[in-house]
Amino acid sequence: MILEQVILYIRPNQSEMFEKAFKIAQNIIITMKGYLRHDLLKCVEEEDKYLLLVEWKTITDHEEGFRKSEGYQDWKNLLHHFYDPFPVVQHYFSVLEN
């Protein structure tokens, strides 16, 4: 399992619109091959800051399958204009897995 971690900084005063758009966009990602689960967390200390966590079976499922899909174009159109700055995506794996 691979955990995708993204810190999202949303343009000021656009968090409510971002959350509405994300509720639509999440319907795209859940249909992707290798998708396991996701969560979107809102920061308590910093307004307009979120943490997106997505679990994938493999990193290829995310980087090749999702990012090269038609659905990703819809995802981009729904969400990418909210980000400032554009987020850095990082992937993690458990060192405790056997």
PDB file of N, CA and C in Angstrom:
ATOM      1  N   MET A   1       0.840  -1.178   0.000  1.00  0.00           N
ATOM      2  CA  MET A   1       0.000   0.000   0.000  1.00  0.00           C
ATOM      3  C   MET A   1       0.885   1.242   0.000  1.00  0.00           C
ATOM      4  N   ILE A   2       0.480   2.232  -0.788  1.00  0.00           N
ATOM      5  CA  ILE A   2       1.170   3.512  -0.872  1.00  0.00           C
ATOM      6  C   ILE A   2       0.228   4.600  -0.369  1.00  0.00           C
ATOM      7  N   LEU A   3       0.742   5.473   0.463  1.00  0.00           N
ATOM      8  CA  LEU A   3      -0.039   6.602   0.956  1.00  0.00           C
ATOM      9  C   LEU A   3       0.438   7.864   0.252  1.00  0.00           C
ATOM     10  N   GLU A   4      -0.451   8.484  -0.482  1.00  0.00           N
ATOM     11  CA  GLU A   4      -0.187   9.779  -1.109  1.00  0.00           C
ATOM     12  C   GLU A   4      -0.562  10.849  -0.093  1.00  0.00           C
ATOM     13  N   GLN A   5       0.343  11.795   0.127  1.00  0.00           N
ATOM     14  CA  GLN A   5       0.120  12.866   1.093  1.00  0.00           C
ATOM     15  C   GLN A   5       0.318  14.196   0.382  1.00  0.00           C
ATOM     16  N   VAL A   6      -0.688  15.076   0.504  1.00  0.00           N
ATOM     17  CA  VAL A   6      -0.629  16.374  -0.160  1.00  0.00           C
ATOM     18  C   VAL A   6      -1.152  17.439   0.794  1.00  0.00           C
ATOM     19  N   ILE A   7      -0.360  18.469   1.034  1.00  0.00           N
ATOM     20  CA  ILE A   7      -0.818  19.624   1.798  1.00  0.00           C
ATOM     21  C   ILE A   7      -1.335  20.632   0.793  1.00  0.00           C
ATOM     22  N   LEU A   8      -2.591  21.037   0.978  1.00  0.00           N
ATOM     23  CA  LEU A   8      -3.251  21.935   0.042  1.00  0.00           C
ATOM     24  C   LEU A   8      -3.476  23.294   0.693  1.00  0.00           C
ATOM     25  N   TYR A   9      -2.946  24.321   0.086  1.00  0.00           N
ATOM     26  CA  TYR A   9      -3.208  25.695   0.498  1.00  0.00           C
ATOM     27  C   TYR A   9      -4.205  26.274  -0.496  1.00  0.00           C
ATOM     28  N   ILE A  10      -5.371  26.623  -0.004  1.00  0.00           N
ATOM     29  CA  ILE A  10      -6.456  27.109  -0.838  1.00  0.00           C
ATOM     30  C   ILE A  10      -6.445  28.639  -0.838  1.00  0.00           C
ATOM     31  N   ARG A  11      -6.719  29.212  -2.000  1.00  0.00           N
ATOM     32  CA  ARG A  11      -6.766  30.671  -2.101  1.00  0.00           C
ATOM     33  C   ARG A  11      -7.723  31.233  -1.043  1.00  0.00           C
ATOM     34  N   PRO A  12      -7.378  32.372  -0.462  1.00  0.00           N
ATOM     35  CA  PRO A  12      -8.212  32.954   0.599  1.00  0.00           C
ATOM     36  C   PRO A  12      -9.673  33.095   0.168  1.00  0.00           C
ATOM     37  N   ASN A  13     -10.535  32.795   1.105  1.00  0.00           N
ATOM     38  CA  ASN A  13     -11.988  32.931   0.942  1.00  0.00           C
ATOM     39  C   ASN A  13     -12.585  31.987  -0.103  1.00  0.00           C
ATOM     40  N   GLN A  14     -11.879  30.909  -0.437  1.00  0.00           N
ATOM     41  CA  GLN A  14     -12.397  29.959  -1.409  1.00  0.00           C
ATOM     42  C   GLN A  14     -12.549  28.549  -0.836  1.00  0.00           C
ATOM     43  N   SER A  15     -12.364  28.396   0.458  1.00  0.00           N
ATOM     44  CA  SER A  15     -12.429  27.068   1.070  1.00  0.00           C
ATOM     45  C   SER A  15     -13.801  26.417   0.915  1.00  0.00           C
ATOM     46  N   GLU A  16     -14.850  27.190   1.075  1.00  0.00           N
ATOM     47  CA  GLU A  16     -16.188  26.610   0.956  1.00  0.00           C
ATOM     48  C   GLU A  16     -16.421  26.101  -0.472  1.00  0.00           C
ATOM     49  N   MET A  17     -16.022  26.878  -1.460  1.00  0.00           N
ATOM     50  CA  MET A  17     -16.177  26.438  -2.854  1.00  0.00           C
ATOM     51  C   MET A  17     -15.281  25.238  -3.152  1.00  0.00           C
ATOM     52  N   PHE A  18     -14.067  25.233  -2.575  1.00  0.00           N
ATOM     53  CA  PHE A  18     -13.163  24.102  -2.746  1.00  0.00           C
ATOM     54  C   PHE A  18     -13.788  22.826  -2.188  1.00  0.00           C
ATOM     55  N   GLU A  19     -14.339  22.899  -0.991  1.00  0.00           N
ATOM     56  CA  GLU A  19     -14.951  21.711  -0.375  1.00  0.00           C
ATOM     57  C   GLU A  19     -16.109  21.179  -1.219  1.00  0.00           C
ATOM     58  N   LYS A  20     -16.919  22.060  -1.777  1.00  0.00           N
ATOM     59  CA  LYS A  20     -18.014  21.634  -2.646  1.00  0.00           C
ATOM     60  C   LYS A  20     -17.468  20.960  -3.904  1.00  0.00           C
ATOM     61  N   ALA A  21     -16.425  21.541  -4.490  1.00  0.00           N
ATOM     62  CA  ALA A  21     -15.814  20.963  -5.692  1.00  0.00           C
ATOM     63  C   ALA A  21     -15.162  19.624  -5.373  1.00  0.00           C
ATOM     64  N   PHE A  22     -14.554  19.506  -4.193  1.00  0.00           N
ATOM     65  CA  PHE A  22     -13.906  18.249  -3.822  1.00  0.00           C
ATOM     66  C   PHE A  22     -14.934  17.133  -3.666  1.00  0.00           C
ATOM     67  N   LYS A  23     -16.099  17.461  -3.140  1.00  0.00           N
ATOM     68  CA  LYS A  23     -17.147  16.442  -2.987  1.00  0.00           C
ATOM     69  C   LYS A  23     -17.539  15.858  -4.345  1.00  0.00           C
ATOM     70  N   ILE A  24     -17.474  16.664  -5.379  1.00  0.00           N
ATOM     71  CA  ILE A  24     -17.725  16.173  -6.740  1.00  0.00           C
ATOM     72  C   ILE A  24     -16.511  15.393  -7.240  1.00  0.00           C
ATOM     73  N   ALA A  25     -15.325  15.973  -7.055  1.00  0.00           N
ATOM     74  CA  ALA A  25     -14.088  15.367  -7.565  1.00  0.00           C
ATOM     75  C   ALA A  25     -13.790  14.010  -6.946  1.00  0.00           C
ATOM     76  N   GLN A  26     -14.158  13.814  -5.703  1.00  0.00           N
ATOM     77  CA  GLN A  26     -13.854  12.529  -5.066  1.00  0.00           C
ATOM     78  C   GLN A  26     -14.560  11.373  -5.765  1.00  0.00           C
ATOM     79  N   ASN A  27     -15.649  11.667  -6.448  1.00  0.00           N
ATOM     80  CA  ASN A  27     -16.335  10.621  -7.210  1.00  0.00           C
ATOM     81  C   ASN A  27     -15.519  10.155  -8.406  1.00  0.00           C
ATOM     82  N   ILE A  28     -14.578  10.955  -8.832  1.00  0.00           N
ATOM     83  CA  ILE A  28     -13.671  10.566  -9.925  1.00  0.00           C
ATOM     84  C   ILE A  28     -12.609   9.617  -9.393  1.00  0.00           C
ATOM     85  N   ILE A  29     -11.962   9.994  -8.310  1.00  0.00           N
ATOM     86  CA  ILE A  29     -10.817   9.228  -7.820  1.00  0.00           C
ATOM     87  C   ILE A  29     -11.222   7.843  -7.302  1.00  0.00           C
ATOM     88  N   ILE A  30     -12.412   7.738  -6.749  1.00  0.00           N
ATOM     89  CA  ILE A  30     -12.813   6.444  -6.179  1.00  0.00           C
ATOM     90  C   ILE A  30     -13.041   5.375  -7.248  1.00  0.00           C
ATOM     91  N   THR A  31     -13.145   5.791  -8.503  1.00  0.00           N
ATOM     92  CA  THR A  31     -13.351   4.824  -9.582  1.00  0.00           C
ATOM     93  C   THR A  31     -12.042   4.334 -10.194  1.00  0.00           C
ATOM     94  N   MET A  32     -10.920   4.868  -9.757  1.00  0.00           N
ATOM     95  CA  MET A  32      -9.630   4.557 -10.374  1.00  0.00           C
ATOM     96  C   MET A  32      -9.076   3.209  -9.925  1.00  0.00           C
ATOM     97  N   LYS A  33      -8.431   2.540 -10.852  1.00  0.00           N
ATOM     98  CA  LYS A  33      -7.770   1.262 -10.558  1.00  0.00           C
ATOM     99  C   LYS A  33      -6.728   1.482  -9.459  1.00  0.00           C
ATOM    100  N   GLY A  34      -6.732   0.628  -8.468  1.00  0.00           N
ATOM    101  CA  GLY A  34      -5.752   0.695  -7.394  1.00  0.00           C
ATOM    102  C   GLY A  34      -6.108   1.628  -6.256  1.00  0.00           C
ATOM    103  N   TYR A  35      -7.181   2.389  -6.406  1.00  0.00           N
ATOM    104  CA  TYR A  35      -7.625   3.270  -5.331  1.00  0.00           C
ATOM    105  C   TYR A  35      -8.132   2.422  -4.164  1.00  0.00           C
ATOM    106  N   LEU A  36      -7.739   2.796  -2.940  1.00  0.00           N
ATOM    107  CA  LEU A  36      -8.202   2.085  -1.748  1.00  0.00           C
ATOM    108  C   LEU A  36      -9.120   2.950  -0.880  1.00  0.00           C
ATOM    109  N   ARG A  37      -8.663   4.157  -0.553  1.00  0.00           N
ATOM    110  CA  ARG A  37      -9.469   5.061   0.287  1.00  0.00           C
ATOM    111  C   ARG A  37      -8.822   6.434   0.279  1.00  0.00           C
ATOM    112  N   HIS A  38      -9.558   7.425   0.775  1.00  0.00           N
ATOM    113  CA  HIS A  38      -9.006   8.769   0.890  1.00  0.00           C
ATOM    114  C   HIS A  38      -9.655   9.506   2.056  1.00  0.00           C
ATOM    115  N   ASP A  39      -9.010  10.599   2.435  1.00  0.00           N
ATOM    116  CA  ASP A  39      -9.559  11.481   3.450  1.00  0.00           C
ATOM    117  C   ASP A  39      -9.058  12.889   3.160  1.00  0.00           C
ATOM    118  N   LEU A  40      -9.902  13.859   3.411  1.00  0.00           N
ATOM    119  CA  LEU A  40      -9.538  15.265   3.291  1.00  0.00           C
ATOM    120  C   LEU A  40      -9.738  15.892   4.657  1.00  0.00           C
ATOM    121  N   LEU A  41      -8.665  16.418   5.219  1.00  0.00           N
ATOM    122  CA  LEU A  41      -8.686  16.977   6.570  1.00  0.00           C
ATOM    123  C   LEU A  41      -8.446  18.481   6.513  1.00  0.00           C
ATOM    124  N   LYS A  42      -9.213  19.238   7.268  1.00  0.00           N
ATOM    125  CA  LYS A  42      -9.048  20.691   7.335  1.00  0.00           C
ATOM    126  C   LYS A  42      -8.221  21.041   8.561  1.00  0.00           C
ATOM    127  N   CYS A  43      -7.264  21.908   8.375  1.00  0.00           N
ATOM    128  CA  CYS A  43      -6.370  22.317   9.458  1.00  0.00           C
ATOM    129  C   CYS A  43      -7.115  23.175  10.481  1.00  0.00           C
ATOM    130  N   VAL A  44      -6.870  22.904  11.743  1.00  0.00           N
ATOM    131  CA  VAL A  44      -7.476  23.662  12.832  1.00  0.00           C
ATOM    132  C   VAL A  44      -6.763  25.004  13.006  1.00  0.00           C
ATOM    133  N   GLU A  45      -5.433  24.991  12.902  1.00  0.00           N
ATOM    134  CA  GLU A  45      -4.645  26.187  13.194  1.00  0.00           C
ATOM    135  C   GLU A  45      -4.536  27.174  12.031  1.00  0.00           C
ATOM    136  N   GLU A  46      -4.626  26.665  10.800  1.00  0.00           N
ATOM    137  CA  GLU A  46      -4.438  27.542   9.642  1.00  0.00           C
ATOM    138  C   GLU A  46      -5.657  27.487   8.727  1.00  0.00           C
ATOM    139  N   GLU A  47      -6.296  28.619   8.587  1.00  0.00           N
ATOM    140  CA  GLU A  47      -7.462  28.704   7.711  1.00  0.00           C
ATOM    141  C   GLU A  47      -7.032  28.441   6.267  1.00  0.00           C
ATOM    142  N   ASP A  48      -7.866  27.811   5.512  1.00  0.00           N
ATOM    143  CA  ASP A  48      -7.626  27.535   4.091  1.00  0.00           C
ATOM    144  C   ASP A  48      -6.483  26.545   3.841  1.00  0.00           C
ATOM    145  N   LYS A  49      -6.184  25.696   4.817  1.00  0.00           N
ATOM    146  CA  LYS A  49      -5.155  24.669   4.655  1.00  0.00           C
ATOM    147  C   LYS A  49      -5.798  23.303   4.894  1.00  0.00           C
ATOM    148  N   TYR A  50      -5.464  22.344   4.007  1.00  0.00           N
ATOM    149  CA  TYR A  50      -6.032  20.995   4.073  1.00  0.00           C
ATOM    150  C   TYR A  50      -4.932  19.966   3.903  1.00  0.00           C
ATOM    151  N   LEU A  51      -5.219  18.771   4.362  1.00  0.00           N
ATOM    152  CA  LEU A  51      -4.350  17.622   4.147  1.00  0.00           C
ATOM    153  C   LEU A  51      -5.161  16.572   3.409  1.00  0.00           C
ATOM    154  N   LEU A  52      -4.673  16.180   2.232  1.00  0.00           N
ATOM    155  CA  LEU A  52      -5.306  15.129   1.454  1.00  0.00           C
ATOM    156  C   LEU A  52      -4.468  13.871   1.580  1.00  0.00           C
ATOM    157  N   LEU A  53      -5.110  12.783   1.972  1.00  0.00           N
ATOM    158  CA  LEU A  53      -4.469  11.474   2.082  1.00  0.00           C
ATOM    159  C   LEU A  53      -5.221  10.505   1.181  1.00  0.00           C
ATOM    160  N   VAL A  54      -4.483   9.826   0.305  1.00  0.00           N
ATOM    161  CA  VAL A  54      -5.090   8.841  -0.583  1.00  0.00           C
ATOM    162  C   VAL A  54      -4.263   7.572  -0.511  1.00  0.00           C
ATOM    163  N   GLU A  55      -4.911   6.455  -0.287  1.00  0.00           N
ATOM    164  CA  GLU A  55      -4.230   5.163  -0.276  1.00  0.00           C
ATOM    165  C   GLU A  55      -4.426   4.497  -1.636  1.00  0.00           C
ATOM    166  N   TRP A  56      -3.307   4.027  -2.188  1.00  0.00           N
ATOM    167  CA  TRP A  56      -3.278   3.329  -3.469  1.00  0.00           C
ATOM    168  C   TRP A  56      -2.647   1.961  -3.258  1.00  0.00           C
ATOM    169  N   LYS A  57      -2.999   1.014  -4.105  1.00  0.00           N
ATOM    170  CA  LYS A  57      -2.341  -0.294  -4.045  1.00  0.00           C
ATOM    171  C   LYS A  57      -0.877  -0.159  -4.412  1.00  0.00           C
ATOM    172  N   THR A  58      -0.584   0.622  -5.479  1.00  0.00           N
ATOM    173  CA  THR A  58       0.802   0.834  -5.914  1.00  0.00           C
ATOM    174  C   THR A  58       0.989   2.293  -6.308  1.00  0.00           C
ATOM    175  N   ILE A  59       2.226   2.740  -6.343  1.00  0.00           N
ATOM    176  CA  ILE A  59       2.515   4.104  -6.789  1.00  0.00           C
ATOM    177  C   ILE A  59       2.184   4.261  -8.271  1.00  0.00           C
ATOM    178  N   THR A  60       2.311   3.183  -9.033  1.00  0.00           N
ATOM    179  CA  THR A  60       1.973   3.211 -10.456  1.00  0.00           C
ATOM    180  C   THR A  60       0.485   3.468 -10.649  1.00  0.00           C
ATOM    181  N   ASP A  61      -0.351   2.924  -9.770  1.00  0.00           N
ATOM    182  CA  ASP A  61      -1.783   3.180  -9.860  1.00  0.00           C
ATOM    183  C   ASP A  61      -2.077   4.676  -9.777  1.00  0.00           C
ATOM    184  N   HIS A  62      -1.305   5.379  -8.968  1.00  0.00           N
ATOM    185  CA  HIS A  62      -1.501   6.823  -8.846  1.00  0.00           C
ATOM    186  C   HIS A  62      -0.849   7.582  -9.997  1.00  0.00           C
ATOM    187  N   GLU A  63       0.448   7.381 -10.170  1.00  0.00           N
ATOM    188  CA  GLU A  63       1.201   8.208 -11.113  1.00  0.00           C
ATOM    189  C   GLU A  63       0.912   7.893 -12.574  1.00  0.00           C
ATOM    190  N   GLU A  64       0.673   6.660 -12.892  1.00  0.00           N
ATOM    191  CA  GLU A  64       0.397   6.286 -14.282  1.00  0.00           C
ATOM    192  C   GLU A  64      -1.109   6.164 -14.518  1.00  0.00           C
ATOM    193  N   GLY A  65      -1.764   5.378 -13.674  1.00  0.00           N
ATOM    194  CA  GLY A  65      -3.184   5.115 -13.873  1.00  0.00           C
ATOM    195  C   GLY A  65      -4.054   6.348 -13.704  1.00  0.00           C
ATOM    196  N   PHE A  66      -3.966   7.001 -12.563  1.00  0.00           N
ATOM    197  CA  PHE A  66      -4.813   8.151 -12.290  1.00  0.00           C
ATOM    198  C   PHE A  66      -4.371   9.383 -13.068  1.00  0.00           C
ATOM    199  N   ARG A  67      -3.112   9.735 -12.965  1.00  0.00           N
ATOM    200  CA  ARG A  67      -2.641  10.983 -13.574  1.00  0.00           C
ATOM    201  C   ARG A  67      -2.683  10.985 -15.101  1.00  0.00           C
ATOM    202  N   LYS A  68      -2.731   9.830 -15.711  1.00  0.00           N
ATOM    203  CA  LYS A  68      -2.799   9.769 -17.175  1.00  0.00           C
ATOM    204  C   LYS A  68      -4.204   9.429 -17.668  1.00  0.00           C
ATOM    205  N   SER A  69      -5.175   9.475 -16.767  1.00  0.00           N
ATOM    206  CA  SER A  69      -6.544   9.117 -17.122  1.00  0.00           C
ATOM    207  C   SER A  69      -7.332  10.352 -17.572  1.00  0.00           C
ATOM    208  N   GLU A  70      -8.419  10.096 -18.269  1.00  0.00           N
ATOM    209  CA  GLU A  70      -9.341  11.175 -18.625  1.00  0.00           C
ATOM    210  C   GLU A  70      -9.954  11.790 -17.373  1.00  0.00           C
ATOM    211  N   GLY A  71     -10.204  10.953 -16.383  1.00  0.00           N
ATOM    212  CA  GLY A  71     -10.765  11.443 -15.137  1.00  0.00           C
ATOM    213  C   GLY A  71      -9.879  12.476 -14.462  1.00  0.00           C
ATOM    214  N   TYR A  72      -8.564  12.323 -14.617  1.00  0.00           N
ATOM    215  CA  TYR A  72      -7.635  13.284 -14.010  1.00  0.00           C
ATOM    216  C   TYR A  72      -7.825  14.674 -14.615  1.00  0.00           C
ATOM    217  N   GLN A  73      -8.144  14.743 -15.888  1.00  0.00           N
ATOM    218  CA  GLN A  73      -8.388  16.048 -16.514  1.00  0.00           C
ATOM    219  C   GLN A  73      -9.596  16.727 -15.866  1.00  0.00           C
ATOM    220  N   ASP A  74     -10.620  15.952 -15.569  1.00  0.00           N
ATOM    221  CA  ASP A  74     -11.784  16.499 -14.872  1.00  0.00           C
ATOM    222  C   ASP A  74     -11.419  16.923 -13.453  1.00  0.00           C
ATOM    223  N   TRP A  75     -10.612  16.097 -12.778  1.00  0.00           N
ATOM    224  CA  TRP A  75     -10.117  16.406 -11.424  1.00  0.00           C
ATOM    225  C   TRP A  75      -9.382  17.747 -11.436  1.00  0.00           C
ATOM    226  N   LYS A  76      -8.471  17.904 -12.387  1.00  0.00           N
ATOM    227  CA  LYS A  76      -7.710  19.154 -12.512  1.00  0.00           C
ATOM    228  C   LYS A  76      -8.641  20.345 -12.715  1.00  0.00           C
ATOM    229  N   ASN A  77      -9.603  20.193 -13.619  1.00  0.00           N
ATOM    230  CA  ASN A  77     -10.516  21.300 -13.908  1.00  0.00           C
ATOM    231  C   ASN A  77     -11.353  21.686 -12.696  1.00  0.00           C
ATOM    232  N   LEU A  78     -11.700  20.713 -11.887  1.00  0.00           N
ATOM    233  CA  LEU A  78     -12.497  20.989 -10.692  1.00  0.00           C
ATOM    234  C   LEU A  78     -11.689  21.627  -9.562  1.00  0.00           C
ATOM    235  N   LEU A  79     -10.412  21.225  -9.416  1.00  0.00           N
ATOM    236  CA  LEU A  79      -9.683  21.562  -8.189  1.00  0.00           C
ATOM    237  C   LEU A  79      -8.444  22.439  -8.334  1.00  0.00           C
ATOM    238  N   HIS A  80      -7.695  22.303  -9.390  1.00  0.00           N
ATOM    239  CA  HIS A  80      -6.366  22.917  -9.430  1.00  0.00           C
ATOM    240  C   HIS A  80      -6.372  24.443  -9.344  1.00  0.00           C
ATOM    241  N   HIS A  81      -7.430  25.093  -9.756  1.00  0.00           N
ATOM    242  CA  HIS A  81      -7.464  26.565  -9.694  1.00  0.00           C
ATOM    243  C   HIS A  81      -7.623  27.093  -8.266  1.00  0.00           C
ATOM    244  N   PHE A  82      -7.908  26.222  -7.309  1.00  0.00           N
ATOM    245  CA  PHE A  82      -8.039  26.645  -5.913  1.00  0.00           C
ATOM    246  C   PHE A  82      -6.685  26.749  -5.202  1.00  0.00           C
ATOM    247  N   TYR A  83      -5.641  26.105  -5.723  1.00  0.00           N
ATOM    248  CA  TYR A  83      -4.373  25.963  -5.003  1.00  0.00           C
ATOM    249  C   TYR A  83      -3.462  27.177  -5.184  1.00  0.00           C
ATOM    250  N   ASP A  84      -2.872  27.612  -4.072  1.00  0.00           N
ATOM    251  CA  ASP A  84      -1.851  28.661  -4.120  1.00  0.00           C
ATOM    252  C   ASP A  84      -0.995  28.570  -2.864  1.00  0.00           C
ATOM    253  N   PRO A  85       0.221  28.049  -2.989  1.00  0.00           N
ATOM    254  CA  PRO A  85       0.896  27.591  -4.209  1.00  0.00           C
ATOM    255  C   PRO A  85       0.411  26.200  -4.617  1.00  0.00           C
ATOM    256  N   PHE A  86       0.878  25.766  -5.790  1.00  0.00           N
ATOM    257  CA  PHE A  86       0.528  24.433  -6.241  1.00  0.00           C
ATOM    258  C   PHE A  86       1.183  23.423  -5.309  1.00  0.00           C
ATOM    259  N   PRO A  87       0.459  22.384  -4.888  1.00  0.00           N
ATOM    260  CA  PRO A  87       0.970  21.461  -3.872  1.00  0.00           C
ATOM    261  C   PRO A  87       2.043  20.503  -4.370  1.00  0.00           C
ATOM    262  N   VAL A  88       2.830  20.055  -3.423  1.00  0.00           N
ATOM    263  CA  VAL A  88       3.822  19.007  -3.651  1.00  0.00           C
ATOM    264  C   VAL A  88       3.203  17.700  -3.178  1.00  0.00           C
ATOM    265  N   VAL A  89       3.251  16.693  -4.035  1.00  0.00           N
ATOM    266  CA  VAL A  89       2.706  15.376  -3.709  1.00  0.00           C
ATOM    267  C   VAL A  89       3.849  14.472  -3.275  1.00  0.00           C
ATOM    268  N   GLN A  90       3.659  13.771  -2.166  1.00  0.00           N
ATOM    269  CA  GLN A  90       4.660  12.819  -1.693  1.00  0.00           C
ATOM    270  C   GLN A  90       3.990  11.485  -1.426  1.00  0.00           C
ATOM    271  N   HIS A  91       4.767  10.424  -1.580  1.00  0.00           N
ATOM    272  CA  HIS A  91       4.261   9.054  -1.388  1.00  0.00           C
ATOM    273  C   HIS A  91       5.036   8.383  -0.266  1.00  0.00           C
ATOM    274  N   TYR A  92       4.308   7.607   0.519  1.00  0.00           N
ATOM    275  CA  TYR A  92       4.892   6.912   1.661  1.00  0.00           C
ATOM    276  C   TYR A  92       4.474   5.451   1.656  1.00  0.00           C
ATOM    277  N   PHE A  93       5.327   4.614   2.273  1.00  0.00           N
ATOM    278  CA  PHE A  93       4.969   3.215   2.504  1.00  0.00           C
ATOM    279  C   PHE A  93       5.339   2.885   3.935  1.00  0.00           C
ATOM    280  N   SER A  94       4.657   1.922   4.491  1.00  0.00           N
ATOM    281  CA  SER A  94       4.895   1.535   5.879  1.00  0.00           C
ATOM    282  C   SER A  94       6.173   0.730   5.998  1.00  0.00           C
ATOM    283  N   VAL A  95       6.981   1.079   6.951  1.00  0.00           N
ATOM    284  CA  VAL A  95       8.187   0.288   7.243  1.00  0.00           C
ATOM    285  C   VAL A  95       7.838  -0.868   8.161  1.00  0.00           C
ATOM    286  N   LEU A  96       6.595  -0.929   8.602  1.00  0.00           N
ATOM    287  CA  LEU A  96       6.158  -1.998   9.499  1.00  0.00           C
ATOM    288  C   LEU A  96       5.485  -3.146   8.778  1.00  0.00           C
ATOM    289  N   GLU A  97       5.182  -2.953   7.470  1.00  0.00           N
ATOM    290  CA  GLU A  97       4.555  -4.034   6.693  1.00  0.00           C
ATOM    291  C   GLU A  97       5.535  -5.174   6.504  1.00  0.00           C
ATOM    292  N   ASN A  98       5.013  -6.386   6.465  1.00  0.00           N
ATOM    293  CA  ASN A  98       5.868  -7.561   6.229  1.00  0.00           C
ATOM    294  C   ASN A  98       5.963  -7.872   4.760  1.00  0.00           C
TER     295      ASN A  98
END
